[in-house]
PDB file of N, CA and C in Angstrom:
ATOM      1  N   MET A   1     -22.580  14.930 -41.110  1.00  0.00           N
ATOM      2  CA  MET A   1     -22.117  13.697 -40.530  1.00  0.00           C
ATOM      3  C   MET A   1     -22.975  13.382 -39.309  1.00  0.00           C
ATOM      4  N   LEU A   2     -23.426  12.143 -39.204  1.00  0.00           N
ATOM      5  CA  LEU A   2     -24.245  11.745 -38.076  1.00  0.00           C
ATOM      6  C   LEU A   2     -23.402  11.645 -36.813  1.00  0.00           C
ATOM      7  N   ARG A   3     -23.963  12.067 -35.719  1.00  0.00           N
ATOM      8  CA  ARG A   3     -23.262  11.973 -34.431  1.00  0.00           C
ATOM      9  C   ARG A   3     -23.498  10.593 -33.844  1.00  0.00           C
ATOM     10  N   HIS A   4     -22.529  10.115 -33.140  1.00  0.00           N
ATOM     11  CA  HIS A   4     -22.652   8.834 -32.457  1.00  0.00           C
ATOM     12  C   HIS A   4     -22.180   8.992 -31.029  1.00  0.00           C
ATOM     13  N   GLU A   5     -22.564   8.042 -30.184  1.00  0.00           N
ATOM     14  CA  GLU A   5     -22.157   8.163 -28.793  1.00  0.00           C
ATOM     15  C   GLU A   5     -20.706   7.733 -28.619  1.00  0.00           C
ATOM     16  N   PHE A   6     -20.047   8.379 -27.687  1.00  0.00           N
ATOM     17  CA  PHE A   6     -18.647   8.118 -27.394  1.00  0.00           C
ATOM     18  C   PHE A   6     -18.524   6.778 -26.676  1.00  0.00           C
ATOM     19  N   GLN A   7     -17.614   5.924 -27.150  1.00  0.00           N
ATOM     20  CA  GLN A   7     -17.409   4.615 -26.552  1.00  0.00           C
ATOM     21  C   GLN A   7     -15.946   4.483 -26.135  1.00  0.00           C
ATOM     22  N   PRO A   8     -15.647   4.748 -24.873  1.00  0.00           N
ATOM     23  CA  PRO A   8     -14.257   4.739 -24.419  1.00  0.00           C
ATOM     24  C   PRO A   8     -13.614   3.356 -24.466  1.00  0.00           C
ATOM     25  N   GLY A   9     -14.394   2.299 -24.347  1.00  0.00           N
ATOM     26  CA  GLY A   9     -13.833   0.950 -24.439  1.00  0.00           C
ATOM     27  C   GLY A   9     -13.205   0.696 -25.795  1.00  0.00           C
ATOM     28  N   ARG A  10     -13.872   1.118 -26.828  1.00  0.00           N
ATOM     29  CA  ARG A  10     -13.324   0.950 -28.180  1.00  0.00           C
ATOM     30  C   ARG A  10     -12.093   1.831 -28.395  1.00  0.00           C
ATOM     31  N   LEU A  11     -12.097   2.995 -27.790  1.00  0.00           N
ATOM     32  CA  LEU A  11     -10.942   3.881 -27.897  1.00  0.00           C
ATOM     33  C   LEU A  11      -9.716   3.243 -27.249  1.00  0.00           C
ATOM     34  N   VAL A  12      -9.879   2.675 -26.063  1.00  0.00           N
ATOM     35  CA  VAL A  12      -8.763   2.031 -25.358  1.00  0.00           C
ATOM     36  C   VAL A  12      -8.274   0.817 -26.137  1.00  0.00           C
ATOM     37  N   ALA A  13      -9.202  -0.015 -26.614  1.00  0.00           N
ATOM     38  CA  ALA A  13      -8.809  -1.193 -27.395  1.00  0.00           C
ATOM     39  C   ALA A  13      -8.067  -0.782 -28.661  1.00  0.00           C
ATOM     40  N   GLY A  14      -8.558   0.222 -29.344  1.00  0.00           N
ATOM     41  CA  GLY A  14      -7.896   0.693 -30.561  1.00  0.00           C
ATOM     42  C   GLY A  14      -6.514   1.256 -30.295  1.00  0.00           C
ATOM     43  N   ALA A  15      -6.362   1.956 -29.177  1.00  0.00           N
ATOM     44  CA  ALA A  15      -5.053   2.522 -28.842  1.00  0.00           C
ATOM     45  C   ALA A  15      -4.030   1.415 -28.579  1.00  0.00           C
ATOM     46  N   PHE A  16      -4.415   0.392 -27.828  1.00  0.00           N
ATOM     47  CA  PHE A  16      -3.479  -0.691 -27.530  1.00  0.00           C
ATOM     48  C   PHE A  16      -3.170  -1.532 -28.767  1.00  0.00           C
ATOM     49  N   LEU A  17      -4.156  -1.773 -29.615  1.00  0.00           N
ATOM     50  CA  LEU A  17      -3.890  -2.530 -30.835  1.00  0.00           C
ATOM     51  C   LEU A  17      -3.032  -1.714 -31.806  1.00  0.00           C
ATOM     52  N   THR A  18      -3.225  -0.414 -31.843  1.00  0.00           N
ATOM     53  CA  THR A  18      -2.364   0.447 -32.657  1.00  0.00           C
ATOM     54  C   THR A  18      -0.930   0.422 -32.138  1.00  0.00           C
ATOM     55  N   LEU A  19      -0.772   0.465 -30.819  1.00  0.00           N
ATOM     56  CA  LEU A  19       0.556   0.378 -30.221  1.00  0.00           C
ATOM     57  C   LEU A  19       1.225  -0.954 -30.561  1.00  0.00           C
ATOM     58  N   ALA A  20       0.480  -2.045 -30.536  1.00  0.00           N
ATOM     59  CA  ALA A  20       1.034  -3.345 -30.917  1.00  0.00           C
ATOM     60  C   ALA A  20       1.467  -3.336 -32.388  1.00  0.00           C
ATOM     61  N   GLY A  21       0.676  -2.713 -33.236  1.00  0.00           N
ATOM     62  CA  GLY A  21       1.051  -2.604 -34.643  1.00  0.00           C
ATOM     63  C   GLY A  21       2.297  -1.765 -34.847  1.00  0.00           C
ATOM     64  N   ILE A  22       2.444  -0.695 -34.079  1.00  0.00           N
ATOM     65  CA  ILE A  22       3.639   0.150 -34.173  1.00  0.00           C
ATOM     66  C   ILE A  22       4.869  -0.631 -33.721  1.00  0.00           C
ATOM     67  N   ILE A  23       4.710  -1.426 -32.660  1.00  0.00           N
ATOM     68  CA  ILE A  23       5.835  -2.231 -32.176  1.00  0.00           C
ATOM     69  C   ILE A  23       6.277  -3.219 -33.252  1.00  0.00           C
ATOM     70  N   TYR A  24       5.331  -3.907 -33.867  1.00  0.00           N
ATOM     71  CA  TYR A  24       5.693  -4.852 -34.925  1.00  0.00           C
ATOM     72  C   TYR A  24       6.246  -4.145 -36.165  1.00  0.00           C
ATOM     73  N   ALA A  25       5.703  -2.973 -36.481  1.00  0.00           N
ATOM     74  CA  ALA A  25       6.220  -2.233 -37.637  1.00  0.00           C
ATOM     75  C   ALA A  25       7.651  -1.768 -37.395  1.00  0.00           C
ATOM     76  N   GLY A  26       7.947  -1.342 -36.173  1.00  0.00           N
ATOM     77  CA  GLY A  26       9.317  -0.946 -35.845  1.00  0.00           C
ATOM     78  C   GLY A  26      10.268  -2.121 -35.922  1.00  0.00           C
ATOM     79  N   ASP A  27       9.796  -3.288 -35.522  1.00  0.00           N
ATOM     80  CA  ASP A  27      10.620  -4.493 -35.614  1.00  0.00           C
ATOM     81  C   ASP A  27      10.834  -4.885 -37.074  1.00  0.00           C
ATOM     82  N   ALA A  28       9.788  -4.807 -37.875  1.00  0.00           N
ATOM     83  CA  ALA A  28       9.911  -5.168 -39.288  1.00  0.00           C
ATOM     84  C   ALA A  28      10.787  -4.173 -40.049  1.00  0.00           C
ATOM     85  N   GLY A  29      10.750  -2.911 -39.649  1.00  0.00           N
ATOM     86  CA  GLY A  29      11.552  -1.888 -40.312  1.00  0.00           C
ATOM     87  C   GLY A  29      13.003  -1.866 -39.863  1.00  0.00           C
ATOM     88  N   GLY A  30      13.313  -2.631 -38.834  1.00  0.00           N
ATOM     89  CA  GLY A  30      14.688  -2.685 -38.359  1.00  0.00           C
ATOM     90  C   GLY A  30      15.050  -1.603 -37.365  1.00  0.00           C
ATOM     91  N   ALA A  31      14.042  -0.872 -36.854  1.00  0.00           N
ATOM     92  CA  ALA A  31      14.329   0.185 -35.893  1.00  0.00           C
ATOM     93  C   ALA A  31      14.724  -0.395 -34.535  1.00  0.00           C
ATOM     94  N   TRP A  32      14.151  -1.521 -34.172  1.00  0.00           N
ATOM     95  CA  TRP A  32      14.482  -2.213 -32.925  1.00  0.00           C
ATOM     96  C   TRP A  32      14.154  -3.690 -33.062  1.00  0.00           C
ATOM     97  N   GLU A  33      14.565  -4.458 -32.096  1.00  0.00           N
ATOM     98  CA  GLU A  33      14.342  -5.905 -32.078  1.00  0.00           C
ATOM     99  C   GLU A  33      13.277  -6.210 -31.022  1.00  0.00           C
ATOM    100  N   THR A  34      12.177  -6.830 -31.438  1.00  0.00           N
ATOM    101  CA  THR A  34      11.089  -7.146 -30.525  1.00  0.00           C
ATOM    102  C   THR A  34      10.820  -8.643 -30.556  1.00  0.00           C
ATOM    103  N   PRO A  35      10.925  -9.337 -29.415  1.00  0.00           N
ATOM    104  CA  PRO A  35      10.540 -10.751 -29.385  1.00  0.00           C
ATOM    105  C   PRO A  35       9.035 -10.896 -29.635  1.00  0.00           C
ATOM    106  N   TRP A  36       8.621 -12.011 -30.186  1.00  0.00           N
ATOM    107  CA  TRP A  36       7.225 -12.198 -30.565  1.00  0.00           C
ATOM    108  C   TRP A  36       6.288 -12.194 -29.359  1.00  0.00           C
ATOM    109  N   PHE A  37       6.761 -12.641 -28.213  1.00  0.00           N
ATOM    110  CA  PHE A  37       5.889 -12.778 -27.052  1.00  0.00           C
ATOM    111  C   PHE A  37       5.673 -11.486 -26.276  1.00  0.00           C
ATOM    112  N   VAL A  38       6.324 -10.416 -26.648  1.00  0.00           N
ATOM    113  CA  VAL A  38       6.188  -9.151 -25.928  1.00  0.00           C
ATOM    114  C   VAL A  38       4.824  -8.518 -26.173  1.00  0.00           C
ATOM    115  N   VAL A  39       4.271  -8.704 -27.331  1.00  0.00           N
ATOM    116  CA  VAL A  39       3.034  -8.022 -27.696  1.00  0.00           C
ATOM    117  C   VAL A  39       1.810  -8.699 -27.070  1.00  0.00           C
ATOM    118  N   ILE A  40       1.908  -9.985 -26.747  1.00  0.00           N
ATOM    119  CA  ILE A  40       0.757 -10.709 -26.203  1.00  0.00           C
ATOM    120  C   ILE A  40       0.252 -10.073 -24.903  1.00  0.00           C
ATOM    121  N   PRO A  41       1.109  -9.817 -23.890  1.00  0.00           N
ATOM    122  CA  PRO A  41       0.586  -9.160 -22.685  1.00  0.00           C
ATOM    123  C   PRO A  41       0.067  -7.751 -22.944  1.00  0.00           C
ATOM    124  N   LEU A  42       0.654  -7.062 -23.903  1.00  0.00           N
ATOM    125  CA  LEU A  42       0.194  -5.723 -24.250  1.00  0.00           C
ATOM    126  C   LEU A  42      -1.234  -5.764 -24.791  1.00  0.00           C
ATOM    127  N   VAL A  43      -1.500  -6.685 -25.706  1.00  0.00           N
ATOM    128  CA  VAL A  43      -2.830  -6.789 -26.303  1.00  0.00           C
ATOM    129  C   VAL A  43      -3.845  -7.282 -25.270  1.00  0.00           C
ATOM    130  N   VAL A  44      -3.483  -8.306 -24.501  1.00  0.00           N
ATOM    131  CA  VAL A  44      -4.413  -8.833 -23.499  1.00  0.00           C
ATOM    132  C   VAL A  44      -4.712  -7.780 -22.431  1.00  0.00           C
ATOM    133  N   GLY A  45      -3.686  -7.087 -21.962  1.00  0.00           N
ATOM    134  CA  GLY A  45      -3.905  -6.020 -20.982  1.00  0.00           C
ATOM    135  C   GLY A  45      -4.770  -4.898 -21.538  1.00  0.00           C
ATOM    136  N   GLY A  46      -4.540  -4.541 -22.791  1.00  0.00           N
ATOM    137  CA  GLY A  46      -5.357  -3.505 -23.419  1.00  0.00           C
ATOM    138  C   GLY A  46      -6.810  -3.919 -23.560  1.00  0.00           C
ATOM    139  N   LEU A  47      -7.035  -5.178 -23.918  1.00  0.00           N
ATOM    140  CA  LEU A  47      -8.410  -5.654 -24.039  1.00  0.00           C
ATOM    141  C   LEU A  47      -9.101  -5.724 -22.675  1.00  0.00           C
ATOM    142  N   CYS A  48      -8.352  -6.082 -21.635  1.00  0.00           N
ATOM    143  CA  CYS A  48      -8.929  -6.081 -20.276  1.00  0.00           C
ATOM    144  C   CYS A  48      -9.285  -4.660 -19.839  1.00  0.00           C
ATOM    145  N   LEU A  49      -8.393  -3.714 -20.089  1.00  0.00           N
ATOM    146  CA  LEU A  49      -8.695  -2.320 -19.748  1.00  0.00           C
ATOM    147  C   LEU A  49      -9.880  -1.792 -20.567  1.00  0.00           C
ATOM    148  N   ALA A  50      -9.968  -2.212 -21.814  1.00  0.00           N
ATOM    149  CA  ALA A  50     -11.097  -1.795 -22.645  1.00  0.00           C
ATOM    150  C   ALA A  50     -12.405  -2.357 -22.100  1.00  0.00           C
ATOM    151  N   GLY A  51     -12.370  -3.590 -21.622  1.00  0.00           N
ATOM    152  CA  GLY A  51     -13.560  -4.187 -21.018  1.00  0.00           C
ATOM    153  C   GLY A  51     -13.986  -3.461 -19.762  1.00  0.00           C
ATOM    154  N   VAL A  52     -13.027  -3.087 -18.940  1.00  0.00           N
ATOM    155  CA  VAL A  52     -13.340  -2.331 -17.717  1.00  0.00           C
ATOM    156  C   VAL A  52     -13.921  -0.968 -18.081  1.00  0.00           C
ATOM    157  N   ALA A  53     -13.334  -0.311 -19.062  1.00  0.00           N
ATOM    158  CA  ALA A  53     -13.841   1.005 -19.480  1.00  0.00           C
ATOM    159  C   ALA A  53     -15.255   0.892 -20.054  1.00  0.00           C
ATOM    160  N   ALA A  54     -15.503  -0.147 -20.839  1.00  0.00           N
ATOM    161  CA  ALA A  54     -16.833  -0.331 -21.424  1.00  0.00           C
ATOM    162  C   ALA A  54     -17.869  -0.648 -20.348  1.00  0.00           C
ATOM    163  N   ALA A  55     -17.504  -1.495 -19.380  1.00  0.00           N
ATOM    164  CA  ALA A  55     -18.441  -1.838 -18.311  1.00  0.00           C
ATOM    165  C   ALA A  55     -18.740  -0.618 -17.442  1.00  0.00           C
ATOM    166  N   THR A  56     -17.725   0.175 -17.164  1.00  0.00           N
ATOM    167  CA  THR A  56     -17.924   1.388 -16.367  1.00  0.00           C
ATOM    168  C   THR A  56     -18.825   2.375 -17.103  1.00  0.00           C
ATOM    169  N   THR A  57     -18.579   2.548 -18.386  1.00  0.00           N
ATOM    170  CA  THR A  57     -19.398   3.456 -19.184  1.00  0.00           C
ATOM    171  C   THR A  57     -20.842   2.987 -19.236  1.00  0.00           C
ATOM    172  N   ARG A  58     -21.033   1.685 -19.401  1.00  0.00           N
ATOM    173  CA  ARG A  58     -22.390   1.145 -19.460  1.00  0.00           C
ATOM    174  C   ARG A  58     -23.119   1.364 -18.136  1.00  0.00           C
ATOM    175  N   GLY A  59     -22.424   1.140 -17.030  1.00  0.00           N
ATOM    176  CA  GLY A  59     -23.039   1.364 -15.724  1.00  0.00           C
ATOM    177  C   GLY A  59     -23.420   2.815 -15.501  1.00  0.00           C
ATOM    178  N   ILE A  60     -22.551   3.709 -15.898  1.00  0.00           N
ATOM    179  CA  ILE A  60     -22.840   5.140 -15.738  1.00  0.00           C
ATOM    180  C   ILE A  60     -24.029   5.544 -16.600  1.00  0.00           C
ATOM    181  N   ARG A  61     -24.075   5.065 -17.829  1.00  0.00           N
ATOM    182  CA  ARG A  61     -25.188   5.431 -18.714  1.00  0.00           C
ATOM    183  C   ARG A  61     -26.508   4.843 -18.237  1.00  0.00           C
ATOM    184  N   ARG A  62     -26.485   3.613 -17.732  1.00  0.00           N
ATOM    185  CA  ARG A  62     -27.710   3.025 -17.197  1.00  0.00           C
ATOM    186  C   ARG A  62     -28.212   3.817 -16.001  1.00  0.00           C
ATOM    187  N   ARG A  63     -27.290   4.206 -15.130  1.00  0.00           N
ATOM    188  CA  ARG A  63     -27.665   4.941 -13.929  1.00  0.00           C
ATOM    189  C   ARG A  63     -28.258   6.299 -14.294  1.00  0.00           C
ATOM    190  N   ARG A  64     -27.630   6.981 -15.243  1.00  0.00           N
ATOM    191  CA  ARG A  64     -28.155   8.289 -15.662  1.00  0.00           C
ATOM    192  C   ARG A  64     -29.523   8.139 -16.302  1.00  0.00           C
ATOM    193  N   ARG A  65     -29.681   7.108 -17.131  1.00  0.00           N
ATOM    194  CA  ARG A  65     -30.948   6.902 -17.819  1.00  0.00           C
ATOM    195  C   ARG A  65     -32.065   6.603 -16.826  1.00  0.00           C
ATOM    196  N   SER A  66     -31.769   5.801 -15.806  1.00  0.00           N
ATOM    197  CA  SER A  66     -32.809   5.478 -14.833  1.00  0.00           C
ATOM    198  C   SER A  66     -33.152   6.686 -13.969  1.00  0.00           C
ATOM    199  N   HIS A  67     -32.176   7.517 -13.644  1.00  0.00           N
ATOM    200  CA  HIS A  67     -32.458   8.721 -12.861  1.00  0.00           C
ATOM    201  C   HIS A  67     -33.200   9.762 -13.694  1.00  0.00           C
ATOM    202  N   GLN A  68     -32.885   9.866 -14.951  1.00  0.00           N
ATOM    203  CA  GLN A  68     -33.582  10.833 -15.799  1.00  0.00           C
ATOM    204  C   GLN A  68     -35.027  10.416 -16.017  1.00  0.00           C
ATOM    205  N   GLY A  69     -35.271   9.128 -16.129  1.00  0.00           N
ATOM    206  CA  GLY A  69     -36.632   8.645 -16.345  1.00  0.00           C
ATOM    207  C   GLY A  69     -37.531   8.909 -15.159  1.00  0.00           C
ATOM    208  N   THR A  70     -36.994   8.861 -13.944  1.00  0.00           N
ATOM    209  CA  THR A  70     -37.838   9.078 -12.773  1.00  0.00           C
ATOM    210  C   THR A  70     -38.094  10.549 -12.509  1.00  0.00           C
ATOM    211  N   THR A  71     -37.194  11.420 -12.887  1.00  0.00           N
ATOM    212  CA  THR A  71     -37.381  12.843 -12.586  1.00  0.00           C
ATOM    213  C   THR A  71     -38.204  13.556 -13.645  1.00  0.00           C
ATOM    214  N   THR A  72     -38.176  13.101 -14.896  1.00  0.00           N
ATOM    215  CA  THR A  72     -38.884  13.820 -15.949  1.00  0.00           C
ATOM    216  C   THR A  72     -40.301  13.305 -16.161  1.00  0.00           C
ATOM    217  N   THR A  73     -40.634  12.135 -15.658  1.00  0.00           N
ATOM    218  CA  THR A  73     -41.961  11.582 -15.875  1.00  0.00           C
ATOM    219  C   THR A  73     -42.848  11.923 -14.680  1.00  0.00           C
ATOM    220  N   PRO A  74     -43.898  12.725 -14.885  1.00  0.00           N
ATOM    221  CA  PRO A  74     -44.787  13.052 -13.760  1.00  0.00           C
ATOM    222  C   PRO A  74     -45.670  11.850 -13.435  1.00  0.00           C
ATOM    223  N   PRO A  75     -46.152  11.748 -12.210  1.00  0.00           N
ATOM    224  CA  PRO A  75     -47.023  10.630 -11.862  1.00  0.00           C
ATOM    225  C   PRO A  75     -48.364  10.741 -12.585  1.00  0.00           C
ATOM    226  N   ASP A  76     -48.988   9.605 -12.804  1.00  0.00           N
ATOM    227  CA  ASP A  76     -50.277   9.554 -13.480  1.00  0.00           C
ATOM    228  C   ASP A  76     -51.344  10.131 -12.547  1.00  0.00           C
ATOM    229  N   PRO A  77     -52.110  11.174 -12.963  1.00  0.00           N
ATOM    230  CA  PRO A  77     -53.065  11.807 -12.053  1.00  0.00           C
ATOM    231  C   PRO A  77     -54.236  10.897 -11.676  1.00  0.00           C
ATOM    232  N   GLN A  78     -54.698  10.042 -12.589  1.00  0.00           N
ATOM    233  CA  GLN A  78     -55.826   9.166 -12.292  1.00  0.00           C
ATOM    234  C   GLN A  78     -55.384   7.718 -12.490  1.00  0.00           C
ATOM    235  N   PRO A  79     -55.582   6.876 -11.482  1.00  0.00           N
ATOM    236  CA  PRO A  79     -55.231   5.467 -11.672  1.00  0.00           C
ATOM    237  C   PRO A  79     -56.177   4.821 -12.675  1.00  0.00           C
ATOM    238  N   LYS A  80     -55.657   3.896 -13.417  1.00  0.00           N
ATOM    239  CA  LYS A  80     -56.455   3.232 -14.446  1.00  0.00           C
ATOM    240  C   LYS A  80     -57.226   2.074 -13.828  1.00  0.00           C
ATOM    241  N   ALA A  81     -58.364   1.788 -14.421  1.00  0.00           N
ATOM    242  CA  ALA A  81     -59.211   0.699 -13.918  1.00  0.00           C
ATOM    243  C   ALA A  81     -58.523  -0.633 -14.169  1.00  0.00           C
ATOM    244  N   PRO A  82     -58.598  -1.582 -13.219  1.00  0.00           N
ATOM    245  CA  PRO A  82     -57.929  -2.878 -13.394  1.00  0.00           C
ATOM    246  C   PRO A  82     -58.753  -3.825 -14.259  1.00  0.00           C
ATOM    247  N   TYR A  83     -58.653  -3.772 -15.546  1.00  0.00           N
ATOM    248  CA  TYR A  83     -59.370  -4.666 -16.467  1.00  0.00           C
ATOM    249  C   TYR A  83     -58.481  -5.732 -16.947  1.00  0.00           C
TER     250      TYR A  83
END
């Protein structure tokens, strides 16, 4: 199986959308009564948190990538001619 990079934004979004589905499934199954408007703030809040998590992850990865590029690349010993 191919490895992929961990994306916490998608994990958070999936968790909140799964929770919304469980709430609606419980309502449809008769386990509890859920008004239709209860899930809207849950989904919107989950998507906002997912966006924050994705932006934070992207910033951290960019910062690590830029720091790794400067430490592993040695300086050029001879400057190139300006042609």
